């Protein structure tokens, strides 16, 4: 693989991943954020399920400068093994409690806004 990957962000969701992605893009980096990872979700799942090693997944990122957010942040070490010249940035909240509260709020908001059609009929 080429060594184009320059930055691997290891911060979980709700630790500034969107702000980091925006800043990196403003600096001219190509960034794969959560939305871009969804485009390759099958390759992530093949890796997580043990059906494939990480080679195919990592090759999808050979022309990307930076990755942020899930699922890349939880496998930052795998990215780093393939791109050892990259820098790893760990973003954190002020406390685990603050992070958890923010994460729960995000999940609750998502559940409220993205109910599937039949949930309205289940009590």
N, C-alpha and C. Protein backbone atom coordinates (compact mmCIF):
# COMPACT_ATOMS: atom_id res chain seq x y z
N UNK A 1 0.84 -1.19 0.00
CA UNK A 1 0.00 0.00 0.00
C UNK A 1 0.87 1.24 0.00
N UNK A 2 0.36 2.28 -0.59
CA UNK A 2 1.10 3.54 -0.55
C UNK A 2 1.01 4.13 0.85
N UNK A 3 1.82 5.10 1.11
CA UNK A 3 1.80 5.74 2.42
C UNK A 3 1.09 7.07 2.39
N UNK A 4 0.00 7.16 1.61
CA UNK A 4 -0.72 8.42 1.53
C UNK A 4 -1.40 8.78 2.85
N UNK A 5 -1.90 7.77 3.58
CA UNK A 5 -2.60 8.05 4.84
C UNK A 5 -1.66 8.82 5.76
N UNK A 6 -2.12 10.00 6.16
CA UNK A 6 -1.29 10.86 7.00
C UNK A 6 -1.78 10.95 8.44
N UNK A 7 -3.13 10.85 8.62
CA UNK A 7 -3.71 11.06 9.95
C UNK A 7 -4.79 10.00 10.22
N UNK A 8 -4.66 9.37 11.38
CA UNK A 8 -5.65 8.41 11.85
C UNK A 8 -6.21 8.98 13.15
N UNK A 9 -7.48 9.31 13.15
CA UNK A 9 -8.11 9.87 14.35
C UNK A 9 -8.74 8.74 15.14
N UNK A 10 -8.26 8.56 16.36
CA UNK A 10 -8.69 7.45 17.20
C UNK A 10 -9.79 7.85 18.19
N UNK A 11 -10.32 9.05 18.09
CA UNK A 11 -11.36 9.49 19.00
C UNK A 11 -12.71 8.90 18.66
N UNK A 12 -13.43 8.50 19.70
CA UNK A 12 -14.78 7.96 19.52
C UNK A 12 -15.74 9.07 19.07
N UNK A 13 -16.92 8.68 18.58
CA UNK A 13 -17.95 9.68 18.28
C UNK A 13 -18.19 10.56 19.50
N UNK A 14 -18.53 11.80 19.27
CA UNK A 14 -18.81 12.80 20.30
C UNK A 14 -17.55 13.28 21.01
N UNK A 15 -16.41 13.16 20.32
CA UNK A 15 -15.16 13.70 20.86
C UNK A 15 -14.59 14.76 19.92
N UNK A 16 -15.44 15.29 19.05
CA UNK A 16 -14.97 16.32 18.12
C UNK A 16 -14.63 15.78 16.74
N UNK A 17 -15.19 14.63 16.39
CA UNK A 17 -14.85 14.03 15.10
C UNK A 17 -15.31 14.88 13.92
N UNK A 18 -16.50 15.45 14.00
CA UNK A 18 -16.98 16.30 12.89
C UNK A 18 -16.14 17.56 12.77
N UNK A 19 -15.79 18.16 13.90
CA UNK A 19 -14.93 19.36 13.87
C UNK A 19 -13.55 19.02 13.32
N UNK A 20 -13.02 17.86 13.71
CA UNK A 20 -11.71 17.44 13.21
C UNK A 20 -11.77 17.20 11.70
N UNK A 21 -12.80 16.52 11.25
CA UNK A 21 -12.94 16.26 9.81
C UNK A 21 -13.03 17.58 9.04
N UNK A 22 -13.82 18.51 9.55
CA UNK A 22 -13.97 19.82 8.89
C UNK A 22 -12.63 20.56 8.85
N UNK A 23 -11.91 20.56 9.96
CA UNK A 23 -10.61 21.24 10.00
C UNK A 23 -9.62 20.61 9.04
N UNK A 24 -9.59 19.29 9.00
CA UNK A 24 -8.66 18.62 8.09
C UNK A 24 -9.00 18.91 6.63
N UNK A 25 -10.29 18.94 6.33
CA UNK A 25 -10.70 19.27 4.95
C UNK A 25 -10.32 20.70 4.59
N UNK A 26 -10.49 21.62 5.54
CA UNK A 26 -10.09 23.02 5.30
C UNK A 26 -8.59 23.13 5.04
N UNK A 27 -7.82 22.23 5.63
CA UNK A 27 -6.37 22.21 5.42
C UNK A 27 -5.97 21.48 4.14
N UNK A 28 -6.97 20.95 3.42
CA UNK A 28 -6.70 20.33 2.14
C UNK A 28 -6.57 18.81 2.15
N UNK A 29 -6.83 18.18 3.28
CA UNK A 29 -6.76 16.73 3.36
C UNK A 29 -8.03 16.09 2.81
N UNK A 30 -7.89 14.92 2.22
CA UNK A 30 -9.06 14.11 1.88
C UNK A 30 -9.37 13.27 3.12
N UNK A 31 -10.63 13.28 3.53
CA UNK A 31 -11.02 12.67 4.81
C UNK A 31 -12.17 11.69 4.60
N UNK A 32 -12.04 10.53 5.20
CA UNK A 32 -13.17 9.62 5.30
C UNK A 32 -13.72 9.70 6.71
N UNK A 33 -14.96 10.18 6.80
CA UNK A 33 -15.69 10.31 8.05
C UNK A 33 -16.73 9.18 8.08
N UNK A 34 -17.58 9.17 9.06
CA UNK A 34 -18.59 8.12 9.22
C UNK A 34 -19.37 7.88 7.93
N UNK A 35 -19.81 8.96 7.29
CA UNK A 35 -20.63 8.82 6.08
C UNK A 35 -19.87 8.11 4.97
N UNK A 36 -18.59 8.42 4.81
CA UNK A 36 -17.78 7.76 3.78
C UNK A 36 -17.51 6.30 4.16
N UNK A 37 -17.36 6.04 5.46
CA UNK A 37 -17.15 4.65 5.89
C UNK A 37 -18.36 3.79 5.54
N UNK A 38 -19.56 4.38 5.61
CA UNK A 38 -20.76 3.61 5.27
C UNK A 38 -20.74 3.12 3.83
N UNK A 39 -20.08 3.86 2.95
CA UNK A 39 -19.97 3.44 1.55
C UNK A 39 -19.18 2.14 1.42
N UNK A 40 -18.32 1.86 2.39
CA UNK A 40 -17.50 0.65 2.37
C UNK A 40 -17.85 -0.30 3.52
N UNK A 41 -19.08 -0.20 4.02
CA UNK A 41 -19.45 -0.96 5.21
C UNK A 41 -19.29 -2.46 5.02
N UNK A 42 -19.53 -2.96 3.82
CA UNK A 42 -19.39 -4.39 3.58
C UNK A 42 -17.96 -4.86 3.82
N UNK A 43 -16.99 -4.06 3.41
CA UNK A 43 -15.58 -4.44 3.65
C UNK A 43 -15.24 -4.38 5.13
N UNK A 44 -15.77 -3.39 5.84
CA UNK A 44 -15.57 -3.34 7.29
C UNK A 44 -16.17 -4.59 7.93
N UNK A 45 -17.40 -4.94 7.55
CA UNK A 45 -18.07 -6.11 8.14
C UNK A 45 -17.34 -7.40 7.81
N UNK A 46 -16.85 -7.53 6.57
CA UNK A 46 -16.07 -8.72 6.21
C UNK A 46 -14.85 -8.87 7.11
N UNK A 47 -14.20 -7.75 7.41
CA UNK A 47 -13.05 -7.78 8.30
C UNK A 47 -13.47 -8.12 9.73
N UNK A 48 -14.50 -7.44 10.24
CA UNK A 48 -14.96 -7.69 11.61
C UNK A 48 -15.44 -9.12 11.80
N UNK A 49 -16.07 -9.69 10.77
CA UNK A 49 -16.59 -11.05 10.85
C UNK A 49 -15.49 -12.10 10.63
N UNK A 50 -14.29 -11.66 10.31
CA UNK A 50 -13.18 -12.59 10.09
C UNK A 50 -13.21 -13.26 8.74
N UNK A 51 -14.04 -12.78 7.82
CA UNK A 51 -14.14 -13.37 6.50
C UNK A 51 -12.97 -12.97 5.60
N UNK A 52 -12.39 -11.79 5.89
CA UNK A 52 -11.25 -11.30 5.12
C UNK A 52 -10.26 -10.67 6.07
N UNK A 53 -9.00 -10.66 5.67
CA UNK A 53 -8.03 -9.91 6.47
C UNK A 53 -8.19 -8.42 6.14
N UNK A 54 -7.37 -7.60 6.70
CA UNK A 54 -7.55 -6.15 6.55
C UNK A 54 -7.04 -5.59 5.23
N UNK A 55 -6.40 -6.40 4.40
CA UNK A 55 -5.78 -5.90 3.17
C UNK A 55 -6.78 -5.23 2.24
N UNK A 56 -7.90 -5.87 1.96
CA UNK A 56 -8.90 -5.30 1.05
C UNK A 56 -9.47 -4.00 1.61
N UNK A 57 -9.76 -3.99 2.90
CA UNK A 57 -10.30 -2.80 3.54
C UNK A 57 -9.30 -1.65 3.48
N UNK A 58 -8.06 -1.94 3.79
CA UNK A 58 -7.04 -0.88 3.79
C UNK A 58 -6.77 -0.35 2.39
N UNK A 59 -6.88 -1.21 1.38
CA UNK A 59 -6.63 -0.75 0.01
C UNK A 59 -7.68 0.27 -0.43
N UNK A 60 -8.87 0.23 0.17
CA UNK A 60 -9.90 1.22 -0.14
C UNK A 60 -9.51 2.61 0.37
N UNK A 61 -8.55 2.68 1.27
CA UNK A 61 -8.13 3.94 1.88
C UNK A 61 -6.78 4.43 1.36
N UNK A 62 -6.27 3.79 0.33
CA UNK A 62 -4.91 4.11 -0.14
C UNK A 62 -4.78 5.53 -0.68
N UNK A 63 -5.86 6.14 -1.10
CA UNK A 63 -5.79 7.51 -1.63
C UNK A 63 -6.44 8.53 -0.69
N UNK A 64 -6.65 8.14 0.54
CA UNK A 64 -7.26 9.00 1.54
C UNK A 64 -6.17 9.51 2.47
N UNK A 65 -6.25 10.77 2.85
CA UNK A 65 -5.26 11.35 3.75
C UNK A 65 -5.55 11.10 5.23
N UNK A 66 -6.84 11.01 5.59
CA UNK A 66 -7.20 10.92 7.01
C UNK A 66 -8.50 10.16 7.19
N UNK A 67 -8.61 9.47 8.34
CA UNK A 67 -9.86 8.81 8.72
C UNK A 67 -10.26 9.29 10.11
N UNK A 68 -11.57 9.46 10.29
CA UNK A 68 -12.14 9.85 11.58
C UNK A 68 -13.42 9.05 11.81
N UNK A 69 -13.82 8.93 13.07
CA UNK A 69 -15.11 8.38 13.49
C UNK A 69 -15.19 6.87 13.26
N UNK A 70 -16.36 6.34 13.63
CA UNK A 70 -16.60 4.91 13.53
C UNK A 70 -16.72 4.49 12.08
N UNK A 71 -16.37 3.29 11.74
CA UNK A 71 -15.73 2.29 12.57
C UNK A 71 -14.20 2.40 12.59
N UNK A 72 -13.65 3.34 11.85
CA UNK A 72 -12.19 3.45 11.75
C UNK A 72 -11.52 3.75 13.09
N UNK A 73 -12.17 4.54 13.93
CA UNK A 73 -11.53 4.93 15.20
C UNK A 73 -11.31 3.74 16.13
N UNK A 74 -12.17 2.73 16.05
CA UNK A 74 -12.01 1.57 16.92
C UNK A 74 -10.97 0.59 16.40
N UNK A 75 -10.54 0.78 15.16
CA UNK A 75 -9.51 -0.08 14.59
C UNK A 75 -8.31 0.75 14.15
N UNK A 76 -8.03 1.80 14.90
CA UNK A 76 -6.92 2.69 14.56
C UNK A 76 -5.60 1.93 14.46
N UNK A 77 -5.42 0.92 15.29
CA UNK A 77 -4.16 0.18 15.27
C UNK A 77 -3.99 -0.60 13.97
N UNK A 78 -5.07 -1.12 13.43
CA UNK A 78 -5.02 -1.82 12.14
C UNK A 78 -4.62 -0.84 11.04
N UNK A 79 -5.22 0.34 11.05
CA UNK A 79 -4.83 1.36 10.08
C UNK A 79 -3.35 1.71 10.24
N UNK A 80 -2.91 1.86 11.47
CA UNK A 80 -1.52 2.24 11.73
C UNK A 80 -0.55 1.15 11.28
N UNK A 81 -0.93 -0.11 11.42
CA UNK A 81 -0.08 -1.20 10.93
C UNK A 81 0.12 -1.11 9.42
N UNK A 82 -0.91 -0.70 8.70
CA UNK A 82 -0.82 -0.59 7.24
C UNK A 82 -0.19 0.74 6.81
N UNK A 83 -0.33 1.76 7.63
CA UNK A 83 0.18 3.10 7.31
C UNK A 83 1.04 3.59 8.48
N UNK A 84 2.21 2.98 8.68
CA UNK A 84 3.03 3.29 9.87
C UNK A 84 3.63 4.69 9.89
N UNK A 85 3.64 5.39 8.78
CA UNK A 85 4.17 6.76 8.76
C UNK A 85 3.12 7.80 9.13
N UNK A 86 1.87 7.35 9.31
CA UNK A 86 0.80 8.29 9.66
C UNK A 86 0.90 8.69 11.13
N UNK A 87 0.22 9.78 11.46
CA UNK A 87 0.13 10.25 12.83
C UNK A 87 -1.24 9.85 13.39
N UNK A 88 -1.26 9.44 14.64
CA UNK A 88 -2.52 9.07 15.31
C UNK A 88 -2.89 10.19 16.27
N UNK A 89 -4.12 10.66 16.14
CA UNK A 89 -4.64 11.71 17.02
C UNK A 89 -5.77 11.12 17.84
N UNK A 90 -5.64 11.20 19.16
CA UNK A 90 -6.70 10.75 20.06
C UNK A 90 -7.44 11.97 20.60
N UNK A 91 -8.70 12.07 20.26
CA UNK A 91 -9.54 13.15 20.78
C UNK A 91 -10.35 12.57 21.94
N UNK A 92 -10.49 13.37 23.00
CA UNK A 92 -11.22 12.95 24.19
C UNK A 92 -12.12 14.07 24.69
N UNK A 93 -13.14 13.70 25.47
CA UNK A 93 -13.95 14.67 26.19
C UNK A 93 -13.28 14.94 27.52
N UNK A 94 -13.79 15.92 28.27
CA UNK A 94 -13.20 16.27 29.56
C UNK A 94 -13.31 15.13 30.57
N UNK A 95 -14.36 14.32 30.46
CA UNK A 95 -14.52 13.20 31.39
C UNK A 95 -15.32 12.10 30.71
N UNK A 96 -15.17 10.87 31.18
CA UNK A 96 -15.98 9.78 30.63
C UNK A 96 -17.47 10.02 30.81
N UNK A 97 -17.84 10.65 31.93
CA UNK A 97 -19.26 10.92 32.18
C UNK A 97 -19.82 11.92 31.16
N UNK A 98 -19.02 12.94 30.85
CA UNK A 98 -19.44 13.93 29.85
C UNK A 98 -19.58 13.28 28.48
N UNK A 99 -18.63 12.42 28.13
CA UNK A 99 -18.71 11.73 26.85
C UNK A 99 -19.95 10.85 26.80
N UNK A 100 -20.19 10.07 27.85
CA UNK A 100 -21.31 9.14 27.87
C UNK A 100 -22.64 9.88 27.74
N UNK A 101 -22.79 10.98 28.46
CA UNK A 101 -24.02 11.76 28.39
C UNK A 101 -24.25 12.28 26.97
N UNK A 102 -23.21 12.74 26.33
CA UNK A 102 -23.32 13.24 24.96
C UNK A 102 -23.65 12.11 23.99
N UNK A 103 -23.02 10.96 24.19
CA UNK A 103 -23.26 9.81 23.32
C UNK A 103 -24.70 9.33 23.45
N UNK A 104 -25.20 9.22 24.68
CA UNK A 104 -26.58 8.79 24.91
C UNK A 104 -27.56 9.77 24.26
N UNK A 105 -27.29 11.06 24.39
CA UNK A 105 -28.15 12.08 23.77
C UNK A 105 -28.18 11.90 22.25
N UNK A 106 -27.03 11.60 21.64
CA UNK A 106 -26.97 11.38 20.20
C UNK A 106 -27.80 10.16 19.80
N UNK A 107 -27.66 9.07 20.56
CA UNK A 107 -28.41 7.84 20.26
C UNK A 107 -29.91 8.08 20.41
N UNK A 108 -30.31 8.76 21.47
CA UNK A 108 -31.74 9.05 21.68
C UNK A 108 -32.30 9.92 20.57
N UNK A 109 -31.52 10.92 20.15
CA UNK A 109 -31.96 11.79 19.05
C UNK A 109 -32.11 10.97 17.76
N UNK A 110 -31.15 10.11 17.51
CA UNK A 110 -31.21 9.27 16.31
C UNK A 110 -32.44 8.36 16.35
N UNK A 111 -32.69 7.75 17.49
CA UNK A 111 -33.85 6.88 17.61
C UNK A 111 -35.15 7.64 17.39
N UNK A 112 -35.23 8.86 17.90
CA UNK A 112 -36.43 9.68 17.77
C UNK A 112 -36.66 10.10 16.32
N UNK A 113 -35.59 10.46 15.62
CA UNK A 113 -35.72 10.96 14.26
C UNK A 113 -35.78 9.88 13.19
N UNK A 114 -35.33 8.69 13.53
CA UNK A 114 -35.20 7.65 12.50
C UNK A 114 -35.96 6.38 12.84
N UNK A 115 -37.13 6.53 13.40
CA UNK A 115 -37.95 5.36 13.68
C UNK A 115 -38.35 4.72 12.36
N UNK A 116 -38.38 3.40 12.37
CA UNK A 116 -38.88 2.71 11.19
C UNK A 116 -40.40 2.74 11.22
N UNK A 117 -41.01 2.58 10.08
CA UNK A 117 -42.44 2.81 9.92
C UNK A 117 -43.28 1.99 10.89
N UNK A 118 -42.90 0.74 11.19
CA UNK A 118 -43.76 -0.10 12.01
C UNK A 118 -43.65 0.20 13.51
N UNK A 119 -42.64 0.93 13.94
CA UNK A 119 -42.50 1.22 15.36
C UNK A 119 -43.67 2.07 15.89
N UNK A 120 -44.30 2.82 15.02
CA UNK A 120 -45.45 3.61 15.44
C UNK A 120 -46.65 2.75 15.82
N UNK A 121 -46.65 1.48 15.38
CA UNK A 121 -47.78 0.60 15.63
C UNK A 121 -47.51 -0.40 16.75
N UNK A 122 -46.30 -0.32 17.33
CA UNK A 122 -45.94 -1.23 18.41
C UNK A 122 -45.98 -0.47 19.72
N UNK A 123 -46.68 -1.01 20.71
CA UNK A 123 -46.73 -0.31 21.99
C UNK A 123 -46.03 -1.09 23.08
